[in-house]
Amino acid sequence: MEIRADADSLVQLGKALRKEEDGKELRRDLIRALKVPLVPAVAEIKSGLLSMSSGSLRPGKESLRRAAARKVTTQVKLSGFAAGVRVRARKTPAVRGFANAPKRLNQAKGWRHRVFGRNTWVIQFGKPHYFDDPLRHRRAEFRAAVVAAMNDTARRIADRAQRG
C-alpha cells in the first residue's frame, strides 16, 4: 500500500484496519499516534485564548475565554468524505448567548454588539489568529507525523499478514 498524507490514503488504511482480526487495537493506536503531534498546537491555542484580557464577570459565571478554550478539541476520522485529522473549536451557545465566540475571537475584524443597557453599538476584538497561527506554523510537522503514523500502521498490518 502506498502511503501519502491525504484523505484517500487514510480511508484505505481505515478499510484495511476493518479487515484485520485485531483491527480495533490497531485503529486505536493509529488514532492515538495521529493526535500526538496536535497536543502542543492545541495547548498553544488554549493558552492564546486564556491569555486574552477579560472583562468583568458576574460571580459564578464562566468566562468567555475559558468556555471557548474548553471547546477546542482534536478529531480523527478514518472513513467517509471528510477523513482526516482536525482541530475544532466548537460553538459555545450556553455562554452569554454568544455561540460563535471561538470563530469571532479569531477574526481580525472583530464583531459588533450592543452595549448592555444602551442603544450603542461597539466593535470588540478578541485575539486575532489565536487559532490559525499555531496550526499554520506546524503544517509540515503534522504532515510528517501523519505519514509516519500511517506507515507504521501499514507496516504492522503487513507484518501480521506475513505471519498469518
N, C-alpha and C. Protein backbone atom coordinates (compact mmCIF):
# COMPACT_ATOMS: atom_id res chain seq x y z
N MET A 1 0.85 -1.18 0.00
CA MET A 1 0.00 0.00 0.00
C MET A 1 0.90 1.24 0.00
N GLU A 2 0.65 2.17 -0.92
CA GLU A 2 1.41 3.41 -0.97
C GLU A 2 0.79 4.40 0.02
N ILE A 3 1.63 5.01 0.82
CA ILE A 3 1.13 5.95 1.83
C ILE A 3 1.46 7.37 1.42
N ARG A 4 0.42 8.19 1.35
CA ARG A 4 0.56 9.64 1.14
C ARG A 4 -0.26 10.30 2.24
N ALA A 5 0.03 11.54 2.50
CA ALA A 5 -0.71 12.27 3.55
C ALA A 5 -1.94 12.91 2.92
N ASP A 6 -2.91 12.08 2.53
CA ASP A 6 -4.16 12.61 2.01
C ASP A 6 -5.32 11.77 2.52
N ALA A 7 -6.52 12.26 2.29
CA ALA A 7 -7.72 11.61 2.83
C ALA A 7 -7.94 10.23 2.22
N ASP A 8 -7.65 10.07 0.93
CA ASP A 8 -7.87 8.77 0.30
C ASP A 8 -7.01 7.67 0.92
N SER A 9 -5.75 7.99 1.18
CA SER A 9 -4.87 7.01 1.81
C SER A 9 -5.34 6.67 3.22
N LEU A 10 -5.83 7.65 3.92
CA LEU A 10 -6.34 7.43 5.27
C LEU A 10 -7.58 6.54 5.24
N VAL A 11 -8.45 6.75 4.26
CA VAL A 11 -9.65 5.90 4.10
C VAL A 11 -9.24 4.48 3.77
N GLN A 12 -8.27 4.31 2.86
CA GLN A 12 -7.78 2.97 2.51
C GLN A 12 -7.22 2.26 3.73
N LEU A 13 -6.47 2.98 4.52
CA LEU A 13 -5.89 2.39 5.73
C LEU A 13 -7.00 2.02 6.72
N GLY A 14 -8.01 2.86 6.84
CA GLY A 14 -9.15 2.55 7.70
C GLY A 14 -9.88 1.29 7.26
N LYS A 15 -10.03 1.12 5.94
CA LYS A 15 -10.66 -0.10 5.42
C LYS A 15 -9.80 -1.33 5.70
N ALA A 16 -8.50 -1.19 5.55
CA ALA A 16 -7.59 -2.31 5.84
C ALA A 16 -7.67 -2.69 7.32
N LEU A 17 -7.83 -1.70 8.18
CA LEU A 17 -7.94 -1.99 9.62
C LEU A 17 -9.21 -2.76 9.94
N ARG A 18 -10.29 -2.47 9.21
CA ARG A 18 -11.55 -3.18 9.47
C ARG A 18 -11.44 -4.67 9.11
N LYS A 19 -10.58 -4.99 8.16
CA LYS A 19 -10.42 -6.38 7.72
C LYS A 19 -9.53 -7.18 8.66
N GLU A 20 -8.75 -6.50 9.47
CA GLU A 20 -7.82 -7.17 10.38
C GLU A 20 -8.53 -7.76 11.58
N GLU A 21 -7.98 -8.85 12.07
CA GLU A 21 -8.55 -9.53 13.23
C GLU A 21 -8.49 -8.64 14.48
N ASP A 22 -7.35 -7.98 14.69
CA ASP A 22 -7.22 -7.08 15.83
C ASP A 22 -7.22 -5.62 15.35
N GLY A 23 -8.10 -5.33 14.42
CA GLY A 23 -8.18 -4.01 13.81
C GLY A 23 -8.55 -2.92 14.80
N LYS A 24 -9.34 -3.26 15.81
CA LYS A 24 -9.73 -2.24 16.80
C LYS A 24 -8.51 -1.73 17.56
N GLU A 25 -7.63 -2.62 17.92
CA GLU A 25 -6.42 -2.22 18.64
C GLU A 25 -5.52 -1.38 17.74
N LEU A 26 -5.34 -1.82 16.50
CA LEU A 26 -4.51 -1.06 15.55
C LEU A 26 -5.12 0.31 15.26
N ARG A 27 -6.44 0.34 15.14
CA ARG A 27 -7.14 1.61 14.89
C ARG A 27 -6.95 2.58 16.05
N ARG A 28 -7.08 2.06 17.27
CA ARG A 28 -6.89 2.88 18.47
C ARG A 28 -5.47 3.43 18.52
N ASP A 29 -4.48 2.58 18.18
CA ASP A 29 -3.09 3.03 18.17
C ASP A 29 -2.85 4.09 17.10
N LEU A 30 -3.46 3.91 15.93
CA LEU A 30 -3.31 4.88 14.84
C LEU A 30 -3.91 6.23 15.23
N ILE A 31 -5.11 6.20 15.80
CA ILE A 31 -5.77 7.45 16.21
C ILE A 31 -4.93 8.16 17.27
N ARG A 32 -4.40 7.41 18.22
CA ARG A 32 -3.56 7.99 19.26
C ARG A 32 -2.30 8.61 18.63
N ALA A 33 -1.68 7.91 17.68
CA ALA A 33 -0.47 8.43 17.03
C ALA A 33 -0.76 9.66 16.18
N LEU A 34 -1.96 9.73 15.59
CA LEU A 34 -2.32 10.89 14.78
C LEU A 34 -2.60 12.12 15.64
N LYS A 35 -3.05 11.91 16.88
CA LYS A 35 -3.36 13.03 17.76
C LYS A 35 -2.13 13.59 18.47
N VAL A 36 -1.09 12.79 18.63
CA VAL A 36 0.09 13.21 19.40
C VAL A 36 0.71 14.52 18.89
N PRO A 37 0.93 14.70 17.58
CA PRO A 37 1.56 15.96 17.16
C PRO A 37 0.67 17.19 17.34
N LEU A 38 -0.62 16.97 17.54
CA LEU A 38 -1.54 18.09 17.73
C LEU A 38 -1.53 18.64 19.15
N VAL A 39 -1.02 17.88 20.09
CA VAL A 39 -1.06 18.28 21.50
C VAL A 39 -0.41 19.65 21.75
N PRO A 40 0.81 19.92 21.25
CA PRO A 40 1.39 21.24 21.51
C PRO A 40 0.62 22.37 20.83
N ALA A 41 0.08 22.10 19.65
CA ALA A 41 -0.69 23.14 18.95
C ALA A 41 -1.98 23.46 19.70
N VAL A 42 -2.67 22.44 20.18
CA VAL A 42 -3.90 22.66 20.94
C VAL A 42 -3.59 23.40 22.24
N ALA A 43 -2.50 23.04 22.88
CA ALA A 43 -2.11 23.74 24.11
C ALA A 43 -1.82 25.21 23.82
N GLU A 44 -1.17 25.49 22.69
CA GLU A 44 -0.88 26.88 22.32
C GLU A 44 -2.16 27.64 21.99
N ILE A 45 -3.10 26.98 21.34
CA ILE A 45 -4.39 27.61 21.03
C ILE A 45 -5.12 27.96 22.32
N LYS A 46 -5.17 27.00 23.24
CA LYS A 46 -5.87 27.24 24.51
C LYS A 46 -5.18 28.33 25.33
N SER A 47 -3.86 28.32 25.35
CA SER A 47 -3.16 29.35 26.12
C SER A 47 -3.34 30.72 25.47
N GLY A 48 -3.44 30.76 24.13
CA GLY A 48 -3.72 32.01 23.44
C GLY A 48 -5.07 32.57 23.83
N LEU A 49 -6.05 31.70 23.93
CA LEU A 49 -7.38 32.14 24.37
C LEU A 49 -7.36 32.62 25.81
N LEU A 50 -6.74 31.86 26.67
CA LEU A 50 -6.74 32.19 28.09
C LEU A 50 -5.90 33.42 28.41
N SER A 51 -4.99 33.79 27.51
CA SER A 51 -4.16 34.97 27.76
C SER A 51 -4.84 36.27 27.33
N MET A 52 -6.01 36.16 26.72
CA MET A 52 -6.74 37.36 26.33
C MET A 52 -7.17 38.14 27.56
N SER A 53 -7.31 39.45 27.39
CA SER A 53 -7.81 40.24 28.51
C SER A 53 -9.28 39.89 28.71
N SER A 54 -9.73 40.03 29.92
CA SER A 54 -11.08 39.62 30.27
C SER A 54 -11.80 40.77 30.95
N GLY A 55 -13.07 40.93 30.60
CA GLY A 55 -13.88 41.94 31.26
C GLY A 55 -14.41 41.43 32.58
N SER A 56 -15.25 42.20 33.20
CA SER A 56 -15.79 41.78 34.49
C SER A 56 -16.81 40.67 34.29
N LEU A 57 -16.93 39.84 35.29
CA LEU A 57 -17.86 38.71 35.26
C LEU A 57 -18.77 38.76 36.47
N ARG A 58 -19.97 38.28 36.26
CA ARG A 58 -20.83 38.09 37.43
C ARG A 58 -20.34 36.87 38.20
N PRO A 59 -20.42 36.89 39.50
CA PRO A 59 -19.93 35.76 40.30
C PRO A 59 -20.62 34.46 39.88
N GLY A 60 -19.84 33.40 39.79
CA GLY A 60 -20.37 32.09 39.46
C GLY A 60 -20.52 31.84 37.97
N LYS A 61 -20.16 32.78 37.12
CA LYS A 61 -20.29 32.61 35.67
C LYS A 61 -18.93 32.24 35.08
N GLU A 62 -18.96 31.42 34.05
CA GLU A 62 -17.74 31.02 33.36
C GLU A 62 -17.34 32.12 32.37
N SER A 63 -16.05 32.39 32.29
CA SER A 63 -15.59 33.43 31.36
C SER A 63 -15.69 32.92 29.93
N LEU A 64 -15.85 33.84 29.02
CA LEU A 64 -15.97 33.52 27.60
C LEU A 64 -14.70 32.83 27.10
N ARG A 65 -13.57 33.34 27.50
CA ARG A 65 -12.31 32.77 27.02
C ARG A 65 -12.11 31.35 27.56
N ARG A 66 -12.48 31.10 28.81
CA ARG A 66 -12.34 29.75 29.38
C ARG A 66 -13.31 28.78 28.70
N ALA A 67 -14.52 29.23 28.42
CA ALA A 67 -15.50 28.38 27.74
C ALA A 67 -15.05 28.06 26.32
N ALA A 68 -14.51 29.04 25.62
CA ALA A 68 -14.02 28.81 24.25
C ALA A 68 -12.82 27.86 24.27
N ALA A 69 -11.92 28.01 25.23
CA ALA A 69 -10.75 27.14 25.34
C ALA A 69 -11.17 25.70 25.63
N ARG A 70 -12.21 25.54 26.44
CA ARG A 70 -12.70 24.20 26.77
C ARG A 70 -13.26 23.48 25.54
N LYS A 71 -13.74 24.24 24.56
CA LYS A 71 -14.37 23.66 23.37
C LYS A 71 -13.38 23.31 22.25
N VAL A 72 -12.09 23.57 22.45
CA VAL A 72 -11.08 23.23 21.45
C VAL A 72 -10.73 21.75 21.61
N THR A 73 -10.95 20.97 20.56
CA THR A 73 -10.72 19.53 20.61
C THR A 73 -10.05 19.05 19.32
N THR A 74 -9.52 17.83 19.37
CA THR A 74 -8.98 17.19 18.17
C THR A 74 -9.96 16.11 17.72
N GLN A 75 -9.94 15.85 16.43
CA GLN A 75 -10.84 14.85 15.86
C GLN A 75 -10.09 14.09 14.78
N VAL A 76 -10.20 12.76 14.80
CA VAL A 76 -9.62 11.91 13.77
C VAL A 76 -10.75 11.10 13.17
N LYS A 77 -10.84 11.14 11.85
CA LYS A 77 -11.87 10.40 11.14
C LYS A 77 -11.19 9.56 10.07
N LEU A 78 -11.39 8.25 10.10
CA LEU A 78 -10.70 7.35 9.19
C LEU A 78 -11.56 6.86 8.04
N SER A 79 -12.77 7.39 7.91
CA SER A 79 -13.63 6.96 6.82
C SER A 79 -14.50 8.12 6.37
N GLY A 80 -15.16 7.92 5.25
CA GLY A 80 -16.10 8.91 4.77
C GLY A 80 -15.46 10.04 3.99
N PHE A 81 -16.28 11.00 3.65
CA PHE A 81 -15.87 12.11 2.80
C PHE A 81 -14.86 13.02 3.49
N ALA A 82 -15.02 13.25 4.76
CA ALA A 82 -14.17 14.20 5.49
C ALA A 82 -13.11 13.48 6.33
N ALA A 83 -12.51 12.42 5.77
CA ALA A 83 -11.49 11.69 6.51
C ALA A 83 -10.29 12.60 6.73
N GLY A 84 -9.73 12.54 7.93
CA GLY A 84 -8.57 13.35 8.22
C GLY A 84 -8.41 13.63 9.70
N VAL A 85 -7.45 14.48 9.99
CA VAL A 85 -7.15 14.87 11.35
C VAL A 85 -7.42 16.36 11.45
N ARG A 86 -8.22 16.78 12.43
CA ARG A 86 -8.55 18.20 12.57
C ARG A 86 -8.53 18.65 14.01
N VAL A 87 -8.37 19.95 14.13
CA VAL A 87 -8.55 20.61 15.42
C VAL A 87 -9.80 21.45 15.25
N ARG A 88 -10.74 21.30 16.17
CA ARG A 88 -12.01 22.01 16.07
C ARG A 88 -12.23 22.88 17.29
N ALA A 89 -12.88 23.99 17.04
CA ALA A 89 -13.33 24.85 18.14
C ALA A 89 -14.85 24.90 18.02
N ARG A 90 -15.51 24.15 18.85
CA ARG A 90 -16.97 24.06 18.79
C ARG A 90 -17.63 25.31 19.33
N LYS A 91 -18.89 25.48 18.98
CA LYS A 91 -19.66 26.65 19.42
C LYS A 91 -19.87 26.63 20.94
N THR A 92 -20.14 27.81 21.48
CA THR A 92 -20.35 27.97 22.92
C THR A 92 -21.71 28.63 23.16
N PRO A 93 -22.82 27.95 22.85
CA PRO A 93 -24.13 28.60 22.94
C PRO A 93 -24.57 28.97 24.35
N ALA A 94 -24.08 28.25 25.34
CA ALA A 94 -24.55 28.49 26.70
C ALA A 94 -23.86 29.67 27.38
N VAL A 95 -22.80 30.20 26.79
CA VAL A 95 -22.05 31.27 27.43
C VAL A 95 -22.51 32.61 26.87
N ARG A 96 -23.26 33.32 27.66
CA ARG A 96 -23.74 34.67 27.31
C ARG A 96 -24.48 34.74 25.98
N GLY A 97 -24.99 33.62 25.49
CA GLY A 97 -25.70 33.61 24.22
C GLY A 97 -24.79 33.89 23.04
N PHE A 98 -23.50 33.70 23.19
CA PHE A 98 -22.52 34.01 22.15
C PHE A 98 -21.98 32.70 21.58
N ALA A 99 -22.80 32.07 20.73
CA ALA A 99 -22.47 30.74 20.22
C ALA A 99 -21.22 30.73 19.35
N ASN A 100 -20.99 31.79 18.59
CA ASN A 100 -19.85 31.81 17.67
C ASN A 100 -18.59 32.44 18.27
N ALA A 101 -18.45 32.39 19.56
CA ALA A 101 -17.31 33.02 20.24
C ALA A 101 -15.96 32.55 19.70
N PRO A 102 -15.71 31.23 19.56
CA PRO A 102 -14.39 30.82 19.06
C PRO A 102 -14.07 31.41 17.69
N LYS A 103 -15.05 31.46 16.84
CA LYS A 103 -14.86 32.00 15.49
C LYS A 103 -14.63 33.50 15.52
N ARG A 104 -15.43 34.22 16.25
CA ARG A 104 -15.33 35.68 16.31
C ARG A 104 -14.05 36.14 17.02
N LEU A 105 -13.64 35.44 18.05
CA LEU A 105 -12.42 35.80 18.76
C LEU A 105 -11.19 35.66 17.87
N ASN A 106 -11.25 34.79 16.87
CA ASN A 106 -10.15 34.54 15.95
C ASN A 106 -10.06 35.57 14.82
N GLN A 107 -11.15 36.27 14.55
CA GLN A 107 -11.20 37.20 13.41
C GLN A 107 -10.49 38.51 13.72
N ALA A 108 -9.76 39.00 12.74
CA ALA A 108 -9.06 40.28 12.90
C ALA A 108 -10.03 41.45 12.89
N LYS A 109 -11.16 41.30 12.23
CA LYS A 109 -12.11 42.41 12.14
C LYS A 109 -13.01 42.53 13.37
N GLY A 110 -12.96 41.55 14.26
CA GLY A 110 -13.77 41.61 15.48
C GLY A 110 -15.23 41.34 15.22
N TRP A 111 -16.08 41.82 16.12
CA TRP A 111 -17.53 41.65 15.97
C TRP A 111 -18.23 42.83 16.61
N ARG A 112 -19.43 43.08 16.11
CA ARG A 112 -20.23 44.18 16.63
C ARG A 112 -21.23 43.65 17.65
N HIS A 113 -21.47 44.43 18.68
CA HIS A 113 -22.51 44.08 19.64
C HIS A 113 -23.00 45.35 20.32
N ARG A 114 -24.18 45.24 20.85
CA ARG A 114 -24.76 46.38 21.54
C ARG A 114 -24.29 46.42 22.99
N VAL A 115 -24.06 47.60 23.50
CA VAL A 115 -23.65 47.77 24.89
C VAL A 115 -24.87 47.52 25.76
N PHE A 116 -24.69 46.71 26.80
CA PHE A 116 -25.80 46.35 27.67
C PHE A 116 -26.44 47.59 28.30
N GLY A 117 -27.75 47.70 28.16
CA GLY A 117 -28.49 48.79 28.78
C GLY A 117 -28.52 50.08 27.98
N ARG A 118 -27.86 50.12 26.83
CA ARG A 118 -27.83 51.32 26.00
C ARG A 118 -28.14 50.96 24.55
N ASN A 119 -28.40 51.95 23.78
CA ASN A 119 -28.64 51.72 22.37
C ASN A 119 -27.38 52.11 21.58
N THR A 120 -26.23 51.68 22.06
CA THR A 120 -24.95 51.99 21.45
C THR A 120 -24.30 50.70 20.96
N TRP A 121 -23.80 50.73 19.75
CA TRP A 121 -23.11 49.57 19.18
C TRP A 121 -21.61 49.82 19.20
N VAL A 122 -20.85 48.77 19.51
CA VAL A 122 -19.39 48.87 19.53
C VAL A 122 -18.80 47.69 18.77
N ILE A 123 -17.56 47.85 18.37
CA ILE A 123 -16.82 46.74 17.76
C ILE A 123 -15.84 46.25 18.82
N GLN A 124 -15.86 44.94 19.04
CA GLN A 124 -14.97 44.35 20.03
C GLN A 124 -14.03 43.39 19.33
N PHE A 125 -12.80 43.35 19.80
CA PHE A 125 -11.78 42.49 19.20
C PHE A 125 -11.36 41.43 20.20
N GLY A 126 -11.12 40.23 19.69
CA GLY A 126 -10.63 39.14 20.53
C GLY A 126 -9.12 39.08 20.44
N LYS A 127 -8.62 37.94 20.05
CA LYS A 127 -7.18 37.76 19.84
C LYS A 127 -7.04 37.18 18.43
N PRO A 128 -6.89 38.05 17.43
CA PRO A 128 -6.86 37.58 16.04
C PRO A 128 -5.82 36.49 15.80
N HIS A 129 -6.24 35.49 15.09
CA HIS A 129 -5.41 34.37 14.65
C HIS A 129 -4.88 33.49 15.78
N TYR A 130 -5.51 33.52 16.95
CA TYR A 130 -5.09 32.65 18.04
C TYR A 130 -5.21 31.19 17.64
N PHE A 131 -6.15 30.88 16.75
CA PHE A 131 -6.41 29.52 16.33
C PHE A 131 -5.58 29.14 15.11
N ASP A 132 -5.49 30.04 14.14
CA ASP A 132 -4.85 29.73 12.87
C ASP A 132 -3.33 29.62 12.95
N ASP A 133 -2.69 30.55 13.63
CA ASP A 133 -1.23 30.61 13.63
C ASP A 133 -0.54 29.36 14.19
N PRO A 134 -0.95 28.83 15.34
CA PRO A 134 -0.26 27.63 15.85
C PRO A 134 -0.37 26.44 14.89
N LEU A 135 -1.47 26.35 14.16
CA LEU A 135 -1.64 25.24 13.22
C LEU A 135 -0.86 25.50 11.93
N ARG A 136 -0.89 26.72 11.45
CA ARG A 136 -0.21 27.07 10.20
C ARG A 136 1.30 26.87 10.33
N HIS A 137 1.87 27.24 11.46
CA HIS A 137 3.32 27.15 11.64
C HIS A 137 3.80 25.70 11.76
N ARG A 138 2.92 24.79 12.08
CA ARG A 138 3.31 23.39 12.28
C ARG A 138 2.83 22.47 11.16
N ARG A 139 2.40 23.01 10.05
CA ARG A 139 1.81 22.21 8.98
C ARG A 139 2.74 21.09 8.50
N ALA A 140 3.99 21.38 8.25
CA ALA A 140 4.93 20.36 7.76
C ALA A 140 5.15 19.27 8.81
N GLU A 141 5.23 19.68 10.07
CA GLU A 141 5.38 18.72 11.17
C GLU A 141 4.18 17.77 11.23
N PHE A 142 2.97 18.32 11.07
CA PHE A 142 1.76 17.49 11.09
C PHE A 142 1.76 16.49 9.95
N ARG A 143 2.10 16.96 8.76
CA ARG A 143 2.10 16.08 7.59
C ARG A 143 3.09 14.93 7.78
N ALA A 144 4.29 15.23 8.27
CA ALA A 144 5.29 14.20 8.50
C ALA A 144 4.81 13.19 9.55
N ALA A 145 4.18 13.67 10.60
CA ALA A 145 3.68 12.78 11.66
C ALA A 145 2.56 11.89 11.15
N VAL A 146 1.69 12.42 10.31
CA VAL A 146 0.60 11.62 9.74
C VAL A 146 1.17 10.52 8.86
N VAL A 147 2.11 10.86 7.99
CA VAL A 147 2.73 9.85 7.13
C VAL A 147 3.44 8.79 7.96
N ALA A 148 4.16 9.20 9.00
CA ALA A 148 4.87 8.24 9.86
C ALA A 148 3.88 7.30 10.56
N ALA A 149 2.79 7.84 11.09
CA ALA A 149 1.80 7.01 11.79
C ALA A 149 1.12 6.05 10.82
N MET A 150 0.81 6.54 9.62
CA MET A 150 0.17 5.68 8.63
C MET A 150 1.13 4.59 8.16
N ASN A 151 2.41 4.94 7.95
CA ASN A 151 3.40 3.93 7.55
C ASN A 151 3.59 2.88 8.63
N ASP A 152 3.63 3.30 9.88
CA ASP A 152 3.78 2.36 10.98
C ASP A 152 2.61 1.39 11.03
N THR A 153 1.39 1.91 10.89
CA THR A 153 0.21 1.05 10.92
C THR A 153 0.20 0.10 9.73
N ALA A 154 0.53 0.59 8.54
CA ALA A 154 0.58 -0.26 7.34
C ALA A 154 1.63 -1.36 7.50
N ARG A 155 2.78 -0.99 8.10
CA ARG A 155 3.82 -1.99 8.33
C ARG A 155 3.35 -3.06 9.30
N ARG A 156 2.64 -2.64 10.36
CA ARG A 156 2.12 -3.62 11.33
C ARG A 156 1.10 -4.55 10.68
N ILE A 157 0.26 -4.02 9.79
CA ILE A 157 -0.70 -4.87 9.08
C ILE A 157 0.02 -5.85 8.18
N ALA A 158 1.04 -5.39 7.45
CA ALA A 158 1.81 -6.26 6.55
C ALA A 158 2.54 -7.34 7.34
N ASP A 159 3.11 -6.99 8.50
CA ASP A 159 3.81 -7.97 9.33
C ASP A 159 2.86 -9.06 9.81
N ARG A 160 1.67 -8.69 10.20
CA ARG A 160 0.68 -9.66 10.68
C ARG A 160 0.20 -10.55 9.54
N ALA A 161 0.10 -9.98 8.35
CA ALA A 161 -0.33 -10.77 7.19
C ALA A 161 0.71 -11.81 6.81
N GLN A 162 2.00 -11.46 6.95
CA GLN A 162 3.09 -12.41 6.63
C GLN A 162 3.14 -13.53 7.65
N ARG A 163 2.84 -13.20 8.92
CA ARG A 163 2.87 -14.24 9.97
C ARG A 163 1.68 -15.18 9.86
N GLY A 164 0.54 -14.64 9.40
CA GLY A 164 -0.70 -15.43 9.42
C GLY A 164 -1.03 -16.05 8.15
